[in-house]
Amino acid sequence: MNSPITGFPKMLYNPKDKNSIEDYAKKLLGKSLVDLKPAASKEVRKGKGSLGEKVEKFYFGYEPNSSPEPDFPDAGVELKTAPLKNIKKGLRAKERISLNSIDYTKEYKETFETSSFWKKNQLLLMMFFLHEAEVSDINFIFKYIFLWSYPEKDLLIIQDDWHKIVSKIKSGNAHEISEGDTLYLGACTKSSKSRNIEQPCNNSVKARKRAFSLKQSYVNSIITQYTNSVDYEPAVTSEELKNKPFEALITEKFEEFYGKSLEEIAQLLGVEVGKSKNKTAILCRRILGIKGRKIEEFDKADIQMKTVTLNQAGTPTEDMSFKQINFIDILSEDWENSYWHEALTKKFFFVVFEEFENQDYLKKVLFWTMPHQDLLRAKRFWKDTRNKIADNNFESFLKSSDGLDCFVRTKGTAGEVAKTANGSLQKKLAYWLSRTYIKSAIG
């Protein structure tokens, strides 16, 4: 057990019993930390520590630390406090859950079973609280508290994610690790201000300091599973994952339809799509055995499915659009917490069709993550865009005619406007990737 605080009252739970720890934690449900531990208020005056550290110190009675062992080593339980946000669909994760730091010099020498991730994070005590602006963290109300262990199928995907992260360390490419490399288990940067550190297999390039993390989309799936509000269907089974990686399994399901038109695919699947605007998406889901709208693994990993149609010259018929730019929010972003960075570091699933005699034929599918060097160019584009917005220069954004990977253009209804930081109104603009770049991405 971590060292108890000197003079702390007799333990109100058994630190060797996971159920006792969970039962004690659940006394905070519907309450704030200060409701049960008024002494925590002194930390607010001093401005010290996160809510998680305060829960450790004032509620569970041990000093926060960076031990490689779980917070309750005798019970194998790691404590994680995490914020929720309230949206129309209910309570959802506000952000990813950061786990333990990755020691590049050690992690690549381990197996998954002996890894720092697995030693520390096999069993998590999840303590979700509702984050509210302008409210002190000790007054946040805890909404969900429960022990979490990974379901068998999720764990198989997480093991594969861990191996992908470690393989980049082994190959001397820790500096190229991206959130888009993996599905559920990420390797997030610790801080935009943290210095780059040495990596063991590459003496010439330093890498950003990173920590293992559960992606925000996966944290949302934990919440929906706990609250029994799951509304997605699986595309693969645990047995399939024991024999092949997820991406290979998904690709195989599409391969038997290569060279077939949308109409032929619909006939083979026995699906009536008529003139539905989203018939391609419907057929893609049916190929994966999904009758509803949500694919479990895609939803948990926030995989972006994008349809690309090629003309007879092999060039995409359209540029690829993303969200409209928030002229106010972008000014407070830094690159790694910007919308554009988040959008481009996701994993994409491209479904590629070829046009021929007024019909679209399935050519191939592929998973894709933006390469490191391309992401650096996207960063320069984003900085240029943000600087021009900050200077109230809305006339010289980078355009598609500039021949770059990324550009700015209107999207949606012509004439729509949005407010800027100085209160003026400007026509709405969105982020785009050029069709020539998409062509190079899909190969």
Protein backbone atom coordinates (compact mmCIF):
# COMPACT_ATOMS: atom_id res chain seq x y z
CA MET A 1 0.00 0.00 0.00
CA ASN A 2 1.19 3.55 -0.69
CA SER A 3 2.40 5.31 2.45
CA PRO A 4 -0.52 6.69 4.47
CA ILE A 5 -0.44 10.32 5.52
CA THR A 6 0.94 10.80 9.02
CA GLY A 7 -1.86 11.27 11.49
CA PHE A 8 -4.59 10.23 9.02
CA PRO A 9 -7.56 8.56 10.76
CA LYS A 10 -7.91 4.81 10.81
CA MET A 11 -8.56 3.43 7.32
CA LEU A 12 -12.26 3.29 6.47
CA TYR A 13 -11.65 0.65 3.82
CA ASN A 14 -9.45 -2.40 3.31
CA PRO A 15 -6.65 -1.43 0.87
CA LYS A 16 -6.07 -5.11 0.06
CA ASP A 17 -9.68 -5.73 -1.03
CA LYS A 18 -10.83 -4.30 -4.37
CA ASN A 19 -14.50 -4.50 -3.38
CA SER A 20 -13.87 -2.65 -0.13
CA ILE A 21 -12.03 0.07 -2.06
CA GLU A 22 -14.91 0.36 -4.55
CA ASP A 23 -17.57 0.45 -1.82
CA TYR A 24 -15.72 3.20 0.01
CA ALA A 25 -15.28 5.19 -3.21
CA LYS A 26 -19.01 4.94 -3.96
CA LYS A 27 -19.80 6.93 -0.82
CA LEU A 28 -18.83 9.93 -2.97
CA LEU A 29 -21.61 9.28 -5.51
CA GLY A 30 -23.79 12.34 -5.84
CA LYS A 31 -21.41 14.29 -3.62
CA SER A 32 -18.29 16.40 -3.95
CA LEU A 33 -14.97 15.76 -2.27
CA VAL A 34 -15.42 18.72 0.07
CA ASP A 35 -18.83 17.38 1.16
CA LEU A 36 -17.14 14.44 2.87
CA LYS A 37 -13.64 15.83 3.39
CA PRO A 38 -13.82 19.56 4.26
CA ALA A 39 -10.06 19.59 4.87
CA ALA A 40 -9.58 19.42 1.08
CA SER A 41 -10.62 23.07 0.88
CA LYS A 42 -7.20 24.19 2.11
CA GLU A 43 -5.65 22.82 -1.10
CA VAL A 44 -7.83 25.25 -3.08
CA ARG A 45 -6.42 28.20 -1.20
CA LYS A 46 -2.91 26.96 -1.95
CA GLY A 47 -3.81 26.15 -5.55
CA LYS A 48 -2.19 22.74 -5.30
CA GLY A 49 -2.84 19.55 -7.22
CA SER A 50 -5.55 18.06 -9.41
CA LEU A 51 -8.81 16.67 -8.12
CA GLY A 52 -7.37 13.17 -8.48
CA GLU A 53 -4.48 14.00 -6.18
CA LYS A 54 -6.86 15.54 -3.65
CA VAL A 55 -9.04 12.42 -3.69
CA GLU A 56 -5.94 10.29 -3.09
CA LYS A 57 -4.71 12.46 -0.25
CA PHE A 58 -7.88 13.52 1.58
CA TYR A 59 -10.29 10.69 0.79
CA PHE A 60 -8.13 7.57 0.52
CA GLY A 61 -5.41 8.82 2.84
CA TYR A 62 -2.20 8.32 0.91
CA GLU A 63 0.25 10.73 -0.67
CA PRO A 64 0.02 11.13 -4.46
CA ASN A 65 3.01 9.57 -6.18
CA SER A 66 4.44 8.33 -9.47
CA SER A 67 4.95 4.72 -8.47
CA PRO A 68 5.05 2.14 -11.29
CA GLU A 69 2.70 0.02 -9.18
CA PRO A 70 -1.09 0.54 -9.02
CA ASP A 71 -2.32 3.00 -6.40
CA PHE A 72 -3.57 0.05 -4.32
CA PRO A 73 -0.88 -2.53 -5.10
CA ASP A 74 -2.19 -5.28 -2.81
CA ALA A 75 -5.56 -5.14 -4.57
CA GLY A 76 -4.12 -4.42 -8.03
CA VAL A 77 -6.33 -1.32 -8.37
CA GLU A 78 -5.33 1.93 -10.10
CA LEU A 79 -7.41 5.03 -9.25
CA LYS A 80 -8.54 7.30 -12.09
CA THR A 81 -10.65 10.42 -11.69
CA ALA A 82 -12.05 11.71 -14.98
CA PRO A 83 -14.27 14.64 -16.03
CA LEU A 84 -17.64 14.40 -17.74
CA LYS A 85 -19.43 16.99 -19.85
CA ASN A 86 -23.18 17.35 -20.22
CA ILE A 87 -24.40 17.25 -23.83
CA LYS A 88 -27.78 16.60 -25.45
CA LYS A 89 -27.16 12.84 -25.42
CA GLY A 90 -26.33 12.89 -21.70
CA LEU A 91 -23.06 12.66 -19.81
CA ARG A 92 -19.99 11.97 -21.95
CA ALA A 93 -16.24 11.93 -21.39
CA LYS A 94 -14.72 15.39 -21.55
CA GLU A 95 -11.29 14.07 -22.54
CA ARG A 96 -9.05 11.02 -22.76
CA ILE A 97 -7.81 9.32 -19.59
CA SER A 98 -4.06 9.63 -19.22
CA LEU A 99 -2.39 6.59 -17.67
CA ASN A 100 1.30 6.04 -16.86
CA SER A 101 4.23 7.71 -18.58
CA ILE A 102 6.07 5.77 -21.26
CA ASP A 103 9.74 5.18 -20.50
CA TYR A 104 11.18 4.75 -23.99
CA THR A 105 14.35 3.19 -22.60
CA LYS A 106 12.47 0.37 -20.87
CA GLU A 107 9.08 -0.25 -22.47
CA TYR A 108 10.36 -1.69 -25.74
CA LYS A 109 12.28 -4.39 -23.86
CA GLU A 110 9.12 -5.78 -22.28
CA THR A 111 6.35 -8.10 -23.36
CA PHE A 112 2.78 -6.88 -23.03
CA GLU A 113 2.35 -8.97 -19.87
CA THR A 114 5.44 -7.40 -18.25
CA SER A 115 4.86 -3.89 -19.62
CA SER A 116 4.48 -0.84 -17.41
CA PHE A 117 1.02 -0.30 -18.88
CA TRP A 118 -0.26 -3.73 -17.90
CA LYS A 119 1.40 -3.80 -14.49
CA LYS A 120 -0.27 -0.55 -13.50
CA ASN A 121 -3.59 -0.48 -15.35
CA GLN A 122 -5.15 -3.96 -15.35
CA LEU A 123 -7.98 -2.93 -13.02
CA LEU A 124 -9.13 0.68 -12.85
CA LEU A 125 -11.28 2.38 -10.22
CA MET A 126 -13.15 4.86 -12.40
CA MET A 127 -14.39 7.97 -10.60
CA PHE A 128 -16.24 10.18 -13.07
CA PHE A 129 -17.26 13.68 -12.01
CA LEU A 130 -19.23 16.42 -13.79
CA HIS A 131 -16.92 19.23 -14.81
CA GLU A 132 -18.46 22.69 -14.53
CA ALA A 133 -16.88 25.97 -15.60
CA GLU A 134 -16.18 28.48 -12.85
CA VAL A 135 -16.59 25.79 -10.16
CA SER A 136 -13.73 24.71 -7.90
CA ASP A 137 -12.71 21.08 -8.49
CA ILE A 138 -13.40 20.07 -4.88
CA ASN A 139 -17.05 20.98 -5.54
CA PHE A 140 -17.42 18.82 -8.66
CA ILE A 141 -20.10 16.16 -8.17
CA PHE A 142 -19.20 12.49 -8.72
CA LYS A 143 -21.65 10.81 -11.10
CA TYR A 144 -20.25 7.33 -11.82
CA ILE A 145 -17.90 5.24 -9.69
CA PHE A 146 -17.03 1.64 -10.52
CA LEU A 147 -14.25 -0.89 -11.04
CA TRP A 148 -13.34 -1.46 -14.67
CA SER A 149 -11.48 -4.36 -16.25
CA TYR A 150 -11.13 -4.70 -20.01
CA PRO A 151 -13.52 -7.07 -21.82
CA GLU A 152 -11.72 -9.87 -23.64
CA LYS A 153 -12.22 -8.42 -27.12
CA ASP A 154 -11.20 -4.91 -26.10
CA LEU A 155 -8.08 -6.29 -24.47
CA LEU A 156 -7.05 -8.08 -27.67
CA ILE A 157 -7.25 -4.76 -29.54
CA ILE A 158 -5.41 -2.94 -26.72
CA GLN A 159 -2.62 -5.53 -26.85
CA ASP A 160 -2.24 -4.87 -30.57
CA ASP A 161 -2.25 -1.11 -29.89
CA TRP A 162 0.56 -1.53 -27.33
CA HIS A 163 2.64 -3.51 -29.83
CA LYS A 164 2.19 -0.78 -32.47
CA ILE A 165 3.42 1.90 -30.07
CA VAL A 166 6.39 -0.21 -28.98
CA SER A 167 7.29 -1.10 -32.56
CA LYS A 168 7.84 2.60 -33.31
CA ILE A 169 10.12 2.86 -30.29
CA LYS A 170 12.08 -0.21 -31.42
CA SER A 171 12.49 1.16 -34.94
CA GLY A 172 13.81 4.51 -33.69
CA ASN A 173 10.64 6.35 -34.62
CA ALA A 174 9.26 7.33 -31.23
CA HIS A 175 9.16 10.91 -32.56
CA GLU A 176 6.61 9.78 -35.15
CA ILE A 177 4.14 8.16 -32.74
CA SER A 178 0.62 9.38 -33.52
CA GLU A 179 -2.81 8.94 -31.96
CA GLY A 180 -3.91 7.60 -35.34
CA ASP A 181 -1.56 4.62 -35.05
CA THR A 182 -3.85 2.83 -32.63
CA LEU A 183 -7.49 2.14 -31.84
CA TYR A 184 -8.28 2.20 -28.10
CA LEU A 185 -4.93 2.66 -26.34
CA GLY A 186 -3.19 5.89 -27.27
CA ALA A 187 0.19 7.47 -26.59
CA CYS A 188 -0.66 11.07 -25.77
CA THR A 189 1.82 13.90 -25.32
CA LYS A 190 2.27 14.95 -21.72
CA SER A 191 2.33 18.70 -22.28
CA SER A 192 2.80 21.16 -25.12
CA LYS A 193 5.51 22.78 -22.99
CA SER A 194 7.41 19.60 -22.10
CA ARG A 195 10.84 19.21 -23.63
CA ASN A 196 11.71 16.48 -26.11
CA ILE A 197 13.66 13.56 -24.68
CA GLU A 198 16.17 11.00 -25.91
CA GLN A 199 14.88 7.82 -27.52
CA PRO A 200 16.88 4.59 -27.24
CA CYS A 201 17.00 3.48 -30.87
CA ASN A 202 17.72 6.79 -32.56
CA ASN A 203 20.55 9.07 -31.41
CA SER A 204 19.80 11.82 -33.92
CA VAL A 205 16.16 12.70 -33.20
CA LYS A 206 14.52 13.37 -29.85
CA ALA A 207 10.89 12.45 -29.19
CA ARG A 208 8.00 14.06 -27.36
CA LYS A 209 7.39 12.73 -23.87
CA ARG A 210 4.26 10.59 -23.92
CA ALA A 211 1.96 8.60 -21.68
CA PHE A 212 -0.31 5.68 -22.37
CA SER A 213 -3.93 6.80 -22.48
CA LEU A 214 -7.43 5.54 -23.11
CA LYS A 215 -8.80 7.52 -26.02
CA GLN A 216 -11.80 9.75 -25.40
CA SER A 217 -13.99 7.67 -27.71
CA TYR A 218 -13.04 4.52 -25.79
CA VAL A 219 -13.73 6.22 -22.45
CA ASN A 220 -17.19 7.06 -23.79
CA SER A 221 -17.70 3.38 -24.57
CA ILE A 222 -16.82 2.52 -20.98
CA ILE A 223 -19.49 4.93 -19.78
CA THR A 224 -22.13 3.61 -22.18
CA GLN A 225 -21.36 0.01 -21.20
CA TYR A 226 -21.60 0.87 -17.51
CA THR A 227 -24.90 2.74 -17.96
CA ASN A 228 -26.31 0.05 -20.29
CA SER A 229 -26.85 2.61 -23.06
CA VAL A 230 -24.88 0.74 -25.74
CA ASP A 231 -26.45 1.03 -29.19
CA TYR A 232 -23.75 -0.34 -31.49
CA GLU A 233 -23.04 -3.71 -33.11
CA PRO A 234 -19.70 -5.56 -33.38
CA ALA A 235 -17.97 -6.04 -36.72
CA VAL A 236 -15.58 -8.76 -35.48
CA THR A 237 -15.50 -11.36 -32.71
CA SER A 238 -12.95 -12.20 -30.05
CA GLU A 239 -12.21 -15.49 -31.78
CA GLU A 240 -11.43 -13.69 -35.04
CA LEU A 241 -9.13 -11.24 -33.24
CA LYS A 242 -7.15 -14.11 -31.75
CA ASN A 243 -6.06 -15.06 -35.26
CA LYS A 244 -5.78 -11.75 -37.14
CA PRO A 245 -5.47 -8.02 -36.39
CA PHE A 246 -8.62 -5.93 -36.52
CA GLU A 247 -7.65 -3.97 -39.63
CA ALA A 248 -6.91 -7.14 -41.62
CA LEU A 249 -10.25 -8.64 -40.61
CA ILE A 250 -12.18 -5.56 -41.73
CA THR A 251 -10.33 -5.34 -45.02
CA GLU A 252 -11.01 -9.01 -45.78
CA LYS A 253 -14.76 -8.49 -45.38
CA PHE A 254 -14.70 -5.97 -48.23
CA GLU A 255 -12.36 -7.83 -50.57
CA GLU A 256 -15.00 -10.19 -51.94
CA PHE A 257 -16.90 -7.13 -53.25
CA TYR A 258 -13.96 -5.55 -55.10
CA GLY A 259 -14.82 -4.76 -58.72
CA LYS A 260 -18.56 -4.77 -58.07
CA SER A 261 -20.92 -1.83 -58.50
CA LEU A 262 -23.06 -0.43 -55.71
CA GLU A 263 -26.11 -2.06 -57.29
CA GLU A 264 -24.39 -5.45 -57.48
CA ILE A 265 -23.25 -5.17 -53.85
CA ALA A 266 -26.78 -4.33 -52.78
CA GLN A 267 -28.14 -7.37 -54.65
CA LEU A 268 -25.54 -9.70 -53.15
CA LEU A 269 -26.34 -8.43 -49.66
CA GLY A 270 -30.10 -8.46 -50.24
CA VAL A 271 -30.37 -4.80 -49.29
CA GLU A 272 -32.84 -2.30 -50.73
CA VAL A 273 -31.26 1.16 -50.76
CA GLY A 274 -33.11 2.81 -53.66
CA LYS A 275 -32.01 6.40 -54.15
CA SER A 276 -30.99 6.92 -50.53
CA LYS A 277 -28.34 9.66 -50.19
CA ASN A 278 -26.40 7.54 -47.70
CA LYS A 279 -26.67 4.25 -49.58
CA THR A 280 -22.89 3.86 -49.69
CA ALA A 281 -22.65 4.10 -45.90
CA ILE A 282 -25.54 1.65 -45.52
CA LEU A 283 -23.85 -0.89 -47.79
CA CYS A 284 -20.49 -0.48 -46.05
CA ARG A 285 -22.13 -1.25 -42.71
CA ARG A 286 -23.97 -4.24 -44.17
CA ILE A 287 -20.72 -5.64 -45.58
CA LEU A 288 -19.52 -5.64 -41.95
CA GLY A 289 -22.73 -7.31 -40.77
CA ILE A 290 -24.09 -4.14 -39.17
CA LYS A 291 -27.84 -3.53 -39.51
CA GLY A 292 -27.98 -0.36 -37.43
CA ARG A 293 -25.96 2.85 -37.64
CA LYS A 294 -23.05 2.31 -35.26
CA ILE A 295 -20.11 -0.07 -35.65
CA GLU A 296 -18.78 -0.99 -32.21
CA GLU A 297 -15.07 -0.95 -32.97
CA PHE A 298 -15.28 2.13 -35.21
CA ASP A 299 -17.25 3.97 -32.52
CA LYS A 300 -14.88 3.01 -29.70
CA ALA A 301 -11.83 4.00 -31.75
CA ASP A 302 -13.45 7.03 -33.43
CA ILE A 303 -12.41 5.70 -36.84
CA GLN A 304 -13.44 8.10 -39.59
CA MET A 305 -15.04 6.24 -42.52
CA LYS A 306 -14.65 8.29 -45.71
CA THR A 307 -15.87 7.43 -49.20
CA VAL A 308 -13.59 8.44 -52.08
CA THR A 309 -14.72 8.26 -55.70
CA LEU A 310 -12.08 8.29 -58.44
CA ASN A 311 -12.66 9.55 -61.97
CA GLN A 312 -11.31 7.69 -64.98
CA ALA A 313 -7.96 9.47 -64.56
CA GLY A 314 -7.67 7.98 -61.07
CA THR A 315 -8.14 11.32 -59.27
CA PRO A 316 -10.72 11.84 -56.51
CA THR A 317 -13.75 13.71 -57.83
CA GLU A 318 -13.90 15.94 -54.73
CA ASP A 319 -11.71 17.56 -52.11
CA MET A 320 -12.34 16.32 -48.55
CA SER A 321 -14.07 18.69 -46.14
CA PHE A 322 -13.91 18.92 -42.36
CA LYS A 323 -15.52 21.13 -39.73
CA GLN A 324 -15.98 24.84 -40.11
CA ILE A 325 -13.34 26.97 -38.39
CA ASN A 326 -14.36 28.58 -35.11
CA PHE A 327 -12.78 32.01 -35.49
CA ILE A 328 -12.80 32.58 -31.72
CA ASP A 329 -11.73 29.18 -30.38
CA ILE A 330 -8.76 28.83 -32.73
CA LEU A 331 -7.07 31.83 -31.08
CA SER A 332 -6.81 30.01 -27.75
CA GLU A 333 -5.62 26.72 -29.28
CA ASP A 334 -2.09 25.47 -29.49
CA TRP A 335 -1.27 22.93 -32.18
CA GLU A 336 -1.61 19.75 -30.17
CA ASN A 337 -4.98 20.65 -28.66
CA SER A 338 -6.32 22.21 -31.85
CA TYR A 339 -9.30 20.81 -33.75
CA TRP A 340 -7.18 20.40 -36.91
CA HIS A 341 -4.51 18.34 -35.14
CA GLU A 342 -7.19 16.18 -33.53
CA ALA A 343 -8.96 15.67 -36.87
CA LEU A 344 -5.80 14.66 -38.73
CA THR A 345 -4.39 12.33 -36.07
CA LYS A 346 -7.45 10.08 -36.09
CA LYS A 347 -7.47 6.81 -37.98
CA PHE A 348 -9.29 6.93 -41.31
CA PHE A 349 -10.97 4.11 -43.20
CA PHE A 350 -11.12 4.96 -46.89
CA VAL A 351 -13.66 3.17 -49.08
CA VAL A 352 -12.50 3.79 -52.63
CA PHE A 353 -14.78 3.60 -55.69
CA GLU A 354 -14.04 4.07 -59.39
CA GLU A 355 -16.44 5.78 -61.80
CA PHE A 356 -17.19 3.93 -65.03
CA GLU A 357 -20.13 4.48 -67.37
CA ASN A 358 -22.18 6.29 -64.73
CA GLN A 359 -21.68 3.62 -62.09
CA ASP A 360 -19.38 3.40 -59.09
CA TYR A 361 -17.35 0.21 -58.62
CA LEU A 362 -15.63 -0.73 -55.36
CA LYS A 363 -11.88 -0.59 -55.97
CA LYS A 364 -10.41 -1.12 -52.48
CA VAL A 365 -10.51 -0.16 -48.83
CA LEU A 366 -7.67 0.85 -46.56
CA PHE A 367 -6.92 2.18 -43.10
CA TRP A 368 -4.81 5.32 -43.12
CA THR A 369 -3.10 7.64 -40.67
CA MET A 370 -1.48 10.90 -41.74
CA PRO A 371 2.33 10.42 -41.90
CA HIS A 372 4.54 12.46 -39.57
CA GLN A 373 6.05 14.68 -42.28
CA ASP A 374 2.61 15.50 -43.70
CA LEU A 375 1.41 16.40 -40.23
CA LEU A 376 4.29 18.88 -39.90
CA ARG A 377 3.10 20.59 -43.11
CA ALA A 378 -0.45 20.64 -41.75
CA LYS A 379 0.88 22.35 -38.63
CA ARG A 380 2.44 25.12 -40.70
CA PHE A 381 -0.87 25.58 -42.55
CA TRP A 382 -2.77 25.74 -39.26
CA LYS A 383 -0.37 28.33 -37.84
CA ASP A 384 -0.76 30.44 -40.97
CA THR A 385 -4.55 30.24 -40.67
CA ARG A 386 -4.59 31.10 -36.96
CA ASN A 387 -2.19 34.03 -37.42
CA LYS A 388 -4.31 35.52 -40.20
CA ILE A 389 -7.45 35.22 -38.08
CA ALA A 390 -5.62 36.86 -35.16
CA ASP A 391 -4.62 39.72 -37.52
CA ASN A 392 -8.22 39.99 -38.77
CA ASN A 393 -6.95 39.12 -42.25
CA PHE A 394 -9.74 37.13 -43.87
CA GLU A 395 -8.71 37.77 -47.46
CA SER A 396 -5.50 35.79 -47.92
CA PHE A 397 -6.02 32.29 -46.51
CA LEU A 398 -4.21 29.46 -48.26
CA LYS A 399 -6.43 28.19 -51.11
CA SER A 400 -6.68 25.01 -53.14
CA SER A 401 -4.99 26.82 -56.05
CA ASP A 402 -1.87 27.20 -53.87
CA GLY A 403 -1.24 23.48 -54.42
CA LEU A 404 -0.97 22.54 -50.74
CA ASP A 405 -2.25 19.49 -48.85
CA CYS A 406 -4.56 21.66 -46.72
CA PHE A 407 -6.53 24.78 -47.56
CA VAL A 408 -9.39 26.98 -46.40
CA ARG A 409 -12.69 27.28 -48.28
CA THR A 410 -16.36 27.86 -47.67
CA LYS A 411 -18.60 24.90 -46.94
CA GLY A 412 -22.35 24.54 -46.78
CA THR A 413 -24.86 27.28 -47.48
CA ALA A 414 -23.45 30.28 -49.32
CA GLY A 415 -23.48 33.53 -47.40
CA GLU A 416 -23.42 32.02 -43.89
CA VAL A 417 -21.42 34.10 -41.43
CA ALA A 418 -19.73 33.59 -38.06
CA LYS A 419 -18.56 35.97 -35.36
CA THR A 420 -14.88 36.80 -34.93
CA ALA A 421 -13.02 37.68 -31.73
CA ASN A 422 -13.44 41.42 -32.40
CA GLY A 423 -17.19 41.05 -32.86
CA SER A 424 -17.28 41.38 -36.64
CA LEU A 425 -18.99 38.87 -38.92
CA GLN A 426 -17.12 36.92 -41.58
CA LYS A 427 -18.26 34.26 -44.01
CA LYS A 428 -17.97 30.76 -42.59
CA LEU A 429 -14.90 28.82 -43.69
CA ALA A 430 -13.85 25.21 -43.25
CA TYR A 431 -10.72 23.05 -43.26
CA TRP A 432 -10.14 20.95 -46.39
CA LEU A 433 -7.71 18.33 -47.70
CA SER A 434 -7.03 18.57 -51.44
CA ARG A 435 -8.05 15.83 -53.84
CA THR A 436 -4.45 15.53 -55.06
CA TYR A 437 -3.32 14.85 -51.51
CA ILE A 438 -6.08 12.27 -51.02
CA LYS A 439 -4.95 10.61 -54.25
CA SER A 440 -1.43 10.23 -52.86
CA ALA A 441 -2.78 8.98 -49.53
CA ILE A 442 -4.83 6.16 -51.00
CA GLY A 443 -2.05 5.11 -53.40
